[in-house]
N, C-alpha and C. Protein backbone atom coordinates (compact mmCIF):
# COMPACT_ATOMS: atom_id res chain seq x y z
N MET A 1 35.39 -152.08 -62.78
CA MET A 1 35.11 -151.43 -61.48
C MET A 1 33.61 -151.68 -61.52
N LYS A 2 32.74 -151.48 -62.56
CA LYS A 2 31.27 -151.56 -62.02
C LYS A 2 30.95 -153.00 -61.37
N PRO A 3 31.39 -154.25 -61.70
CA PRO A 3 30.95 -155.40 -60.94
C PRO A 3 31.44 -155.27 -59.40
N VAL A 4 32.59 -154.93 -58.92
CA VAL A 4 32.90 -154.62 -57.50
C VAL A 4 32.25 -153.62 -56.91
N LEU A 5 31.86 -152.59 -57.65
CA LEU A 5 30.87 -151.59 -56.74
C LEU A 5 29.85 -152.02 -56.57
N HIS A 6 29.18 -152.74 -57.59
CA HIS A 6 27.95 -152.97 -57.32
C HIS A 6 27.83 -154.16 -56.27
N LEU A 7 28.66 -155.08 -56.50
CA LEU A 7 28.74 -156.02 -55.55
C LEU A 7 28.84 -155.84 -53.84
N LEU A 8 29.95 -154.84 -53.62
CA LEU A 8 30.06 -154.16 -52.34
C LEU A 8 28.88 -153.33 -51.80
N GLY A 9 28.57 -152.43 -53.06
CA GLY A 9 27.24 -151.59 -52.72
C GLY A 9 26.02 -152.00 -52.44
N ASN A 10 25.88 -153.25 -52.82
CA ASN A 10 24.64 -153.96 -52.59
C ASN A 10 24.77 -155.07 -51.35
N ASN A 11 25.60 -154.96 -50.82
CA ASN A 11 25.85 -155.88 -49.71
C ASN A 11 26.13 -155.15 -48.31
N ARG A 12 25.11 -155.14 -47.28
CA ARG A 12 25.25 -154.39 -46.19
C ARG A 12 26.33 -154.70 -45.47
N ILE A 13 26.90 -156.02 -45.40
CA ILE A 13 28.29 -156.47 -44.64
C ILE A 13 29.46 -155.91 -45.18
N PHE A 14 29.27 -155.57 -46.32
CA PHE A 14 30.66 -154.92 -47.20
C PHE A 14 30.69 -153.53 -47.32
N ALA A 15 29.73 -152.86 -46.20
CA ALA A 15 29.60 -151.37 -46.60
C ALA A 15 31.05 -150.58 -46.02
N GLY A 16 31.76 -151.21 -45.26
CA GLY A 16 33.04 -150.31 -45.03
C GLY A 16 33.94 -150.64 -46.11
N ALA A 17 34.14 -152.02 -46.77
CA ALA A 17 34.94 -151.98 -47.92
C ALA A 17 34.33 -151.23 -48.95
N HIS A 18 33.20 -151.05 -49.10
CA HIS A 18 32.74 -150.13 -50.34
C HIS A 18 33.17 -148.63 -50.07
N ASP A 19 32.93 -148.19 -48.94
CA ASP A 19 33.34 -146.98 -48.54
C ASP A 19 34.67 -146.72 -48.82
N GLU A 20 35.68 -147.62 -48.47
CA GLU A 20 37.05 -147.17 -48.58
C GLU A 20 37.58 -147.40 -49.80
N PHE A 21 36.78 -148.32 -50.65
CA PHE A 21 37.18 -148.43 -52.18
C PHE A 21 36.76 -147.38 -52.96
N CYS A 22 35.61 -146.74 -52.73
CA CYS A 22 35.01 -145.51 -53.43
C CYS A 22 35.84 -144.35 -53.01
N SER A 23 36.50 -144.21 -51.66
CA SER A 23 37.19 -143.22 -51.60
C SER A 23 38.61 -143.22 -52.14
N ALA A 24 39.09 -144.62 -52.28
CA ALA A 24 40.58 -144.79 -53.15
C ALA A 24 40.22 -144.46 -54.58
N LEU A 25 38.95 -144.70 -55.01
CA LEU A 25 38.77 -144.19 -56.40
C LEU A 25 38.70 -142.57 -56.54
N LYS A 26 38.21 -141.88 -55.48
CA LYS A 26 38.21 -140.68 -55.46
C LYS A 26 39.68 -139.72 -55.40
N HIS A 27 40.23 -140.67 -54.41
CA HIS A 27 41.73 -140.27 -54.49
C HIS A 27 42.50 -140.19 -55.79
N TYR A 28 42.05 -141.30 -56.56
CA TYR A 28 42.85 -141.41 -57.82
C TYR A 28 42.33 -140.37 -58.72
N ARG A 29 41.18 -140.11 -58.76
CA ARG A 29 40.55 -139.25 -59.62
C ARG A 29 41.39 -137.94 -59.36
N HIS A 30 41.71 -137.33 -58.20
CA HIS A 30 41.92 -136.26 -57.54
C HIS A 30 43.78 -136.09 -57.74
N ASN A 31 44.25 -137.21 -58.44
CA ASN A 31 45.77 -137.34 -58.35
C ASN A 31 46.61 -137.57 -56.95
N GLN A 32 45.62 -137.94 -56.01
CA GLN A 32 46.04 -138.31 -54.69
C GLN A 32 46.37 -139.68 -54.60
N TYR A 33 47.51 -140.02 -55.27
CA TYR A 33 47.93 -141.53 -55.33
C TYR A 33 48.36 -142.26 -53.98
N LYS A 34 48.80 -141.60 -53.05
CA LYS A 34 49.42 -142.00 -51.82
C LYS A 34 48.00 -142.51 -51.12
N GLU A 35 47.34 -141.44 -50.93
CA GLU A 35 45.92 -141.83 -50.33
C GLU A 35 45.19 -142.90 -50.93
N CYS A 36 45.14 -142.95 -52.48
CA CYS A 36 44.48 -143.75 -53.19
C CYS A 36 44.75 -145.40 -52.77
N VAL A 37 46.45 -145.45 -52.79
CA VAL A 37 46.79 -146.93 -52.48
C VAL A 37 46.72 -147.00 -50.91
N ASN A 38 46.75 -146.26 -50.05
CA ASN A 38 46.28 -146.52 -48.79
C ASN A 38 44.68 -147.01 -48.50
N ASP A 39 43.85 -146.38 -49.13
CA ASP A 39 42.50 -146.73 -49.11
C ASP A 39 42.18 -148.16 -49.80
N CYS A 40 43.17 -148.41 -50.69
CA CYS A 40 42.95 -149.83 -51.50
C CYS A 40 43.20 -150.97 -50.43
N LEU A 41 44.29 -150.62 -49.74
CA LEU A 41 44.45 -151.58 -48.74
C LEU A 41 43.59 -151.76 -47.62
N LYS A 42 42.85 -150.61 -47.34
CA LYS A 42 41.97 -150.60 -46.11
C LYS A 42 40.82 -151.31 -46.65
N ALA A 43 40.24 -151.08 -48.14
CA ALA A 43 39.18 -151.94 -48.46
C ALA A 43 39.60 -153.20 -48.39
N PHE A 44 40.39 -153.80 -48.96
CA PHE A 44 40.90 -155.23 -49.04
C PHE A 44 40.83 -155.90 -47.75
N GLU A 45 41.42 -155.00 -46.57
CA GLU A 45 41.41 -155.76 -45.37
C GLU A 45 39.75 -155.42 -44.69
N SER A 46 39.10 -154.66 -44.92
CA SER A 46 37.68 -154.37 -44.36
C SER A 46 36.85 -155.64 -44.91
N LEU A 47 37.05 -155.92 -46.27
CA LEU A 47 36.32 -157.15 -46.80
C LEU A 47 36.50 -158.12 -46.12
N MET A 48 37.80 -158.67 -45.91
CA MET A 48 38.44 -159.76 -45.32
C MET A 48 37.59 -159.85 -43.69
N LYS A 49 37.81 -158.56 -43.02
CA LYS A 49 37.16 -158.50 -41.76
C LYS A 49 35.61 -158.84 -41.77
N ALA A 50 35.15 -158.35 -42.88
CA ALA A 50 33.39 -158.42 -43.13
C ALA A 50 33.07 -159.96 -42.98
N ILE A 51 33.89 -160.45 -43.99
CA ILE A 51 33.83 -162.15 -44.06
C ILE A 51 33.96 -162.88 -42.76
N HIS A 52 35.13 -162.44 -42.22
CA HIS A 52 35.18 -163.17 -40.86
C HIS A 52 34.07 -162.93 -40.04
N GLU A 53 33.40 -161.77 -39.72
CA GLU A 53 32.38 -161.22 -38.75
C GLU A 53 31.17 -162.18 -39.31
N LYS A 54 31.00 -162.15 -40.59
CA LYS A 54 29.88 -162.78 -41.01
C LYS A 54 29.66 -164.18 -40.82
N HIS A 55 30.87 -165.00 -40.90
CA HIS A 55 31.00 -166.48 -40.41
C HIS A 55 31.55 -166.80 -39.30
N SER A 56 31.65 -165.87 -38.26
CA SER A 56 31.78 -165.80 -36.90
C SER A 56 33.23 -166.69 -36.76
N TRP A 57 34.14 -166.31 -37.66
CA TRP A 57 35.56 -166.65 -37.67
C TRP A 57 36.41 -165.77 -36.59
N GLN A 58 37.20 -166.52 -35.71
CA GLN A 58 38.17 -165.83 -35.02
C GLN A 58 39.15 -165.05 -35.58
N PHE A 59 39.22 -163.94 -35.16
CA PHE A 59 40.43 -162.92 -35.54
C PHE A 59 40.45 -161.77 -34.92
N ASN A 60 41.55 -161.04 -34.78
CA ASN A 60 41.75 -159.71 -34.24
C ASN A 60 41.52 -158.91 -35.04
N GLN A 61 41.03 -157.82 -34.66
CA GLN A 61 40.45 -156.36 -35.61
C GLN A 61 42.27 -155.75 -35.97
N ASN A 62 43.06 -156.24 -35.32
CA ASN A 62 44.41 -155.41 -35.47
C ASN A 62 45.17 -156.71 -36.44
N TYR A 63 44.94 -157.57 -36.81
CA TYR A 63 45.58 -158.41 -37.86
C TYR A 63 45.94 -157.55 -38.96
N SER A 64 47.03 -157.92 -39.27
CA SER A 64 47.59 -157.44 -40.47
C SER A 64 46.68 -158.33 -41.77
N SER A 65 47.15 -157.69 -43.06
CA SER A 65 46.34 -158.30 -44.20
C SER A 65 47.13 -159.83 -44.40
N GLN A 66 48.15 -160.04 -44.03
CA GLN A 66 48.81 -161.56 -44.41
C GLN A 66 48.20 -162.42 -43.31
N LYS A 67 47.93 -161.83 -42.14
CA LYS A 67 47.10 -162.79 -41.15
C LYS A 67 45.82 -162.99 -41.62
N LEU A 68 45.09 -161.76 -42.27
CA LEU A 68 43.71 -162.17 -42.52
C LEU A 68 43.48 -162.96 -43.71
N ILE A 69 44.46 -162.98 -44.48
CA ILE A 69 44.72 -163.92 -45.75
C ILE A 69 44.42 -165.28 -45.33
N GLN A 70 45.57 -165.57 -44.46
CA GLN A 70 45.86 -166.76 -44.07
C GLN A 70 44.73 -167.43 -43.46
N SER A 71 44.06 -166.81 -42.47
CA SER A 71 43.03 -166.90 -41.75
C SER A 71 41.46 -167.36 -42.81
N CYS A 72 41.79 -166.49 -43.91
CA CYS A 72 40.58 -166.87 -44.84
C CYS A 72 40.85 -168.17 -45.64
N LEU A 73 42.16 -168.69 -45.83
CA LEU A 73 42.58 -169.72 -46.38
C LEU A 73 42.46 -170.99 -45.37
N ASP A 74 42.62 -170.76 -44.08
CA ASP A 74 42.28 -171.54 -42.97
C ASP A 74 40.87 -171.80 -42.68
N ASN A 75 40.11 -171.15 -43.26
CA ASN A 75 38.71 -171.28 -43.03
C ASN A 75 37.81 -171.65 -44.16
N GLY A 76 38.66 -171.69 -45.34
CA GLY A 76 38.17 -172.53 -46.43
C GLY A 76 37.24 -171.50 -47.21
N LEU A 77 37.76 -170.15 -47.23
CA LEU A 77 37.26 -169.03 -48.13
C LEU A 77 37.39 -169.64 -49.76
N ILE A 78 38.75 -169.90 -50.02
CA ILE A 78 39.15 -170.59 -51.27
C ILE A 78 39.28 -171.77 -50.93
N PRO A 79 38.65 -172.98 -51.83
CA PRO A 79 38.25 -174.19 -51.46
C PRO A 79 39.79 -174.80 -51.61
N LYS A 80 39.81 -175.74 -50.71
CA LYS A 80 41.46 -176.49 -50.49
C LYS A 80 41.99 -176.76 -52.07
N TYR A 81 41.08 -177.42 -52.84
CA TYR A 81 41.78 -178.07 -54.19
C TYR A 81 42.10 -176.75 -54.93
N LEU A 82 41.79 -175.75 -54.81
CA LEU A 82 42.26 -174.31 -55.62
C LEU A 82 43.49 -174.01 -54.68
N GLN A 83 43.62 -173.98 -53.53
CA GLN A 83 44.75 -173.21 -52.84
C GLN A 83 46.04 -173.90 -53.28
N SER A 84 46.17 -175.07 -53.29
CA SER A 84 47.59 -175.42 -54.00
C SER A 84 47.94 -174.81 -55.33
N GLN A 85 46.99 -175.09 -56.14
CA GLN A 85 46.92 -174.72 -57.40
C GLN A 85 47.26 -173.38 -57.67
N LEU A 86 46.73 -172.50 -56.72
CA LEU A 86 46.72 -171.09 -56.93
C LEU A 86 47.53 -170.45 -55.64
N SER A 87 48.40 -171.16 -55.15
CA SER A 87 49.28 -170.80 -53.90
C SER A 87 50.07 -169.61 -54.52
N ASN A 88 50.73 -169.86 -55.60
CA ASN A 88 51.64 -168.58 -56.03
C ASN A 88 51.02 -167.37 -56.48
N ILE A 89 49.59 -167.80 -57.11
CA ILE A 89 49.15 -166.50 -57.37
C ILE A 89 48.17 -166.08 -56.32
N ILE A 90 47.93 -166.71 -55.44
CA ILE A 90 47.27 -165.94 -54.25
C ILE A 90 48.69 -165.19 -53.47
N LYS A 91 49.85 -165.76 -53.34
CA LYS A 91 51.04 -164.85 -52.98
C LYS A 91 51.37 -163.84 -53.56
N LEU A 92 51.13 -163.90 -54.92
CA LEU A 92 51.49 -162.63 -56.07
C LEU A 92 50.41 -161.42 -55.73
N LEU A 93 48.83 -162.20 -55.87
CA LEU A 93 47.98 -161.07 -55.97
C LEU A 93 47.80 -160.59 -54.50
N LEU A 94 47.50 -161.36 -53.63
CA LEU A 94 46.75 -161.14 -52.24
C LEU A 94 48.13 -160.69 -51.46
N GLU A 95 49.20 -161.24 -51.08
CA GLU A 95 50.23 -160.83 -50.21
C GLU A 95 51.08 -159.92 -50.52
N CYS A 96 51.60 -160.01 -51.93
CA CYS A 96 52.74 -159.21 -52.36
C CYS A 96 52.26 -158.09 -53.00
N GLY A 97 51.06 -158.09 -53.55
CA GLY A 97 50.31 -157.06 -54.34
C GLY A 97 49.91 -156.04 -53.41
N VAL A 98 48.88 -155.60 -53.42
CA VAL A 98 48.28 -154.27 -52.65
C VAL A 98 48.85 -154.26 -51.11
N PRO A 99 49.08 -155.13 -50.30
CA PRO A 99 49.83 -154.90 -49.25
C PRO A 99 51.22 -154.58 -49.26
N THR A 100 51.87 -155.16 -50.22
CA THR A 100 53.35 -154.78 -50.08
C THR A 100 53.47 -153.34 -50.86
N ILE A 101 52.69 -153.16 -51.88
CA ILE A 101 52.71 -151.62 -52.61
C ILE A 101 52.48 -150.67 -51.54
N ARG A 102 51.47 -150.81 -50.83
CA ARG A 102 51.27 -149.67 -49.87
C ARG A 102 52.14 -149.88 -48.89
N ASN A 103 52.70 -150.87 -48.25
CA ASN A 103 54.02 -150.70 -47.18
C ASN A 103 55.08 -149.88 -48.06
N LYS A 104 55.44 -150.41 -49.28
CA LYS A 104 56.84 -149.63 -49.76
C LYS A 104 56.50 -148.35 -50.17
N VAL A 105 55.51 -147.61 -50.67
CA VAL A 105 55.37 -146.22 -51.20
C VAL A 105 54.48 -145.36 -50.22
N SER A 106 53.35 -146.07 -49.38
CA SER A 106 52.66 -144.73 -48.92
C SER A 106 52.43 -144.70 -47.26
N SER A 107 52.84 -145.92 -46.73
CA SER A 107 52.44 -145.99 -45.58
C SER A 107 53.14 -145.62 -44.40
N HIS A 108 54.54 -145.53 -44.60
CA HIS A 108 55.52 -145.04 -43.61
C HIS A 108 55.96 -143.72 -43.78
N GLY A 109 56.48 -143.19 -42.81
CA GLY A 109 56.93 -141.76 -42.68
C GLY A 109 58.00 -141.78 -44.04
N GLN A 110 58.10 -140.59 -44.98
CA GLN A 110 58.87 -140.16 -45.94
C GLN A 110 60.24 -139.54 -45.71
N GLY A 111 60.42 -139.17 -44.43
CA GLY A 111 61.55 -138.85 -43.89
C GLY A 111 61.89 -137.59 -44.59
N THR A 112 63.08 -137.00 -44.89
CA THR A 112 63.45 -135.69 -45.14
C THR A 112 62.99 -135.44 -46.65
N ASN A 113 63.00 -136.61 -47.70
CA ASN A 113 62.52 -136.40 -49.01
C ASN A 113 61.14 -136.53 -49.40
N ILE A 114 60.67 -135.76 -50.01
CA ILE A 114 59.24 -135.95 -50.43
C ILE A 114 58.96 -137.17 -51.27
N SER A 115 58.35 -137.96 -50.99
CA SER A 115 58.10 -139.15 -51.90
C SER A 115 56.75 -139.04 -52.62
N THR A 116 56.75 -139.90 -54.00
CA THR A 116 55.62 -139.73 -54.62
C THR A 116 54.98 -141.14 -55.01
N VAL A 117 54.16 -141.41 -55.47
CA VAL A 117 53.47 -142.36 -55.87
C VAL A 117 53.05 -142.22 -57.58
N PRO A 118 53.66 -142.86 -58.49
CA PRO A 118 53.29 -142.85 -59.85
C PRO A 118 51.91 -143.01 -60.24
N GLU A 119 51.40 -142.46 -61.05
CA GLU A 119 50.16 -142.77 -61.42
C GLU A 119 49.89 -143.98 -61.80
N HIS A 120 51.06 -144.75 -62.58
CA HIS A 120 50.71 -146.25 -63.22
C HIS A 120 50.66 -147.04 -62.07
N LEU A 121 51.54 -146.97 -60.95
CA LEU A 121 51.44 -147.74 -59.84
C LEU A 121 50.00 -147.64 -59.15
N ALA A 122 49.66 -146.66 -58.80
CA ALA A 122 47.96 -146.30 -58.56
C ALA A 122 47.22 -147.01 -59.16
N SER A 123 47.45 -146.87 -60.51
CA SER A 123 46.30 -147.52 -61.46
C SER A 123 46.51 -148.80 -61.20
N TYR A 124 47.45 -149.51 -61.26
CA TYR A 124 47.67 -150.84 -61.12
C TYR A 124 47.10 -151.40 -59.61
N THR A 125 47.43 -150.71 -58.77
CA THR A 125 46.77 -150.94 -57.33
C THR A 125 45.36 -150.89 -57.15
N ILE A 126 44.80 -150.14 -57.73
CA ILE A 126 43.29 -149.91 -57.64
C ILE A 126 42.75 -151.14 -58.40
N HIS A 127 43.32 -151.19 -59.54
CA HIS A 127 42.84 -152.33 -60.59
C HIS A 127 42.76 -153.75 -59.83
N LEU A 128 44.10 -153.85 -59.29
CA LEU A 128 44.65 -155.46 -58.48
C LEU A 128 43.43 -155.24 -57.19
N THR A 129 43.48 -154.10 -56.67
CA THR A 129 42.29 -154.22 -55.31
C THR A 129 41.01 -154.60 -55.98
N ALA A 130 40.65 -153.98 -56.98
CA ALA A 130 39.07 -154.25 -57.61
C ALA A 130 39.14 -155.85 -57.69
N THR A 131 40.10 -156.53 -58.37
CA THR A 131 40.17 -158.02 -58.66
C THR A 131 40.00 -158.92 -57.53
N ASN A 132 40.79 -158.59 -56.41
CA ASN A 132 40.88 -159.18 -55.25
C ASN A 132 39.81 -159.23 -54.64
N LEU A 133 38.85 -157.83 -54.62
CA LEU A 133 37.72 -157.71 -53.77
C LEU A 133 36.75 -158.53 -54.24
N LEU A 134 36.53 -158.54 -55.67
CA LEU A 134 35.63 -159.24 -56.37
C LEU A 134 35.70 -160.73 -56.31
N PHE A 135 37.05 -161.13 -56.54
CA PHE A 135 37.29 -162.56 -56.18
C PHE A 135 36.91 -163.08 -54.77
N LEU A 136 37.40 -162.52 -53.73
CA LEU A 136 36.84 -162.92 -52.37
C LEU A 136 35.58 -162.95 -52.17
N ALA A 137 34.76 -161.81 -52.58
CA ALA A 137 33.44 -161.64 -52.45
C ALA A 137 32.74 -162.72 -53.20
N ARG A 138 33.24 -163.10 -54.62
CA ARG A 138 32.50 -163.95 -55.01
C ARG A 138 32.74 -165.36 -54.44
N CYS A 139 33.93 -165.98 -53.74
CA CYS A 139 34.45 -166.91 -53.15
C CYS A 139 33.29 -166.95 -51.70
N GLU A 140 33.06 -165.82 -50.96
CA GLU A 140 32.27 -165.90 -49.80
C GLU A 140 30.76 -166.22 -50.32
N GLU A 141 30.17 -165.64 -51.20
CA GLU A 141 28.88 -166.23 -51.80
C GLU A 141 28.91 -167.59 -51.91
N GLN A 142 30.06 -168.52 -52.17
CA GLN A 142 29.97 -169.97 -52.71
C GLN A 142 30.07 -170.66 -51.33
N LEU A 143 30.10 -169.82 -49.95
CA LEU A 143 30.43 -170.62 -48.75
C LEU A 143 29.04 -171.17 -48.30
């Protein structure tokens, strides 16, 4: 956690992502796992939006995480030579990971039954988010 908190906290353009990731950590510490998972995805999307803004890449503020990821790839955030090799990893970690977990367990109305997010899933999500944030921010440093 320390490397991603340091990287986000020391870069003004990542202030939104830093704020949302810190909020996710706070929710996790207080056993508010639904809120933790939601803030993880917010931080992930905010980082990608910040990268888009910094490099003047075309995007819409309402883009889903999947569209933001694709735009990052299209704009060379991850070098082309790594994209084919990492395509399955990218799909697993970036597209299916945090966004899917949030969509399945915490972002939609729960209906008549109260739903819960287990601690182990929130822990996995927050660690996966930290990994993704650090990876994308480090890729951005290389542009």
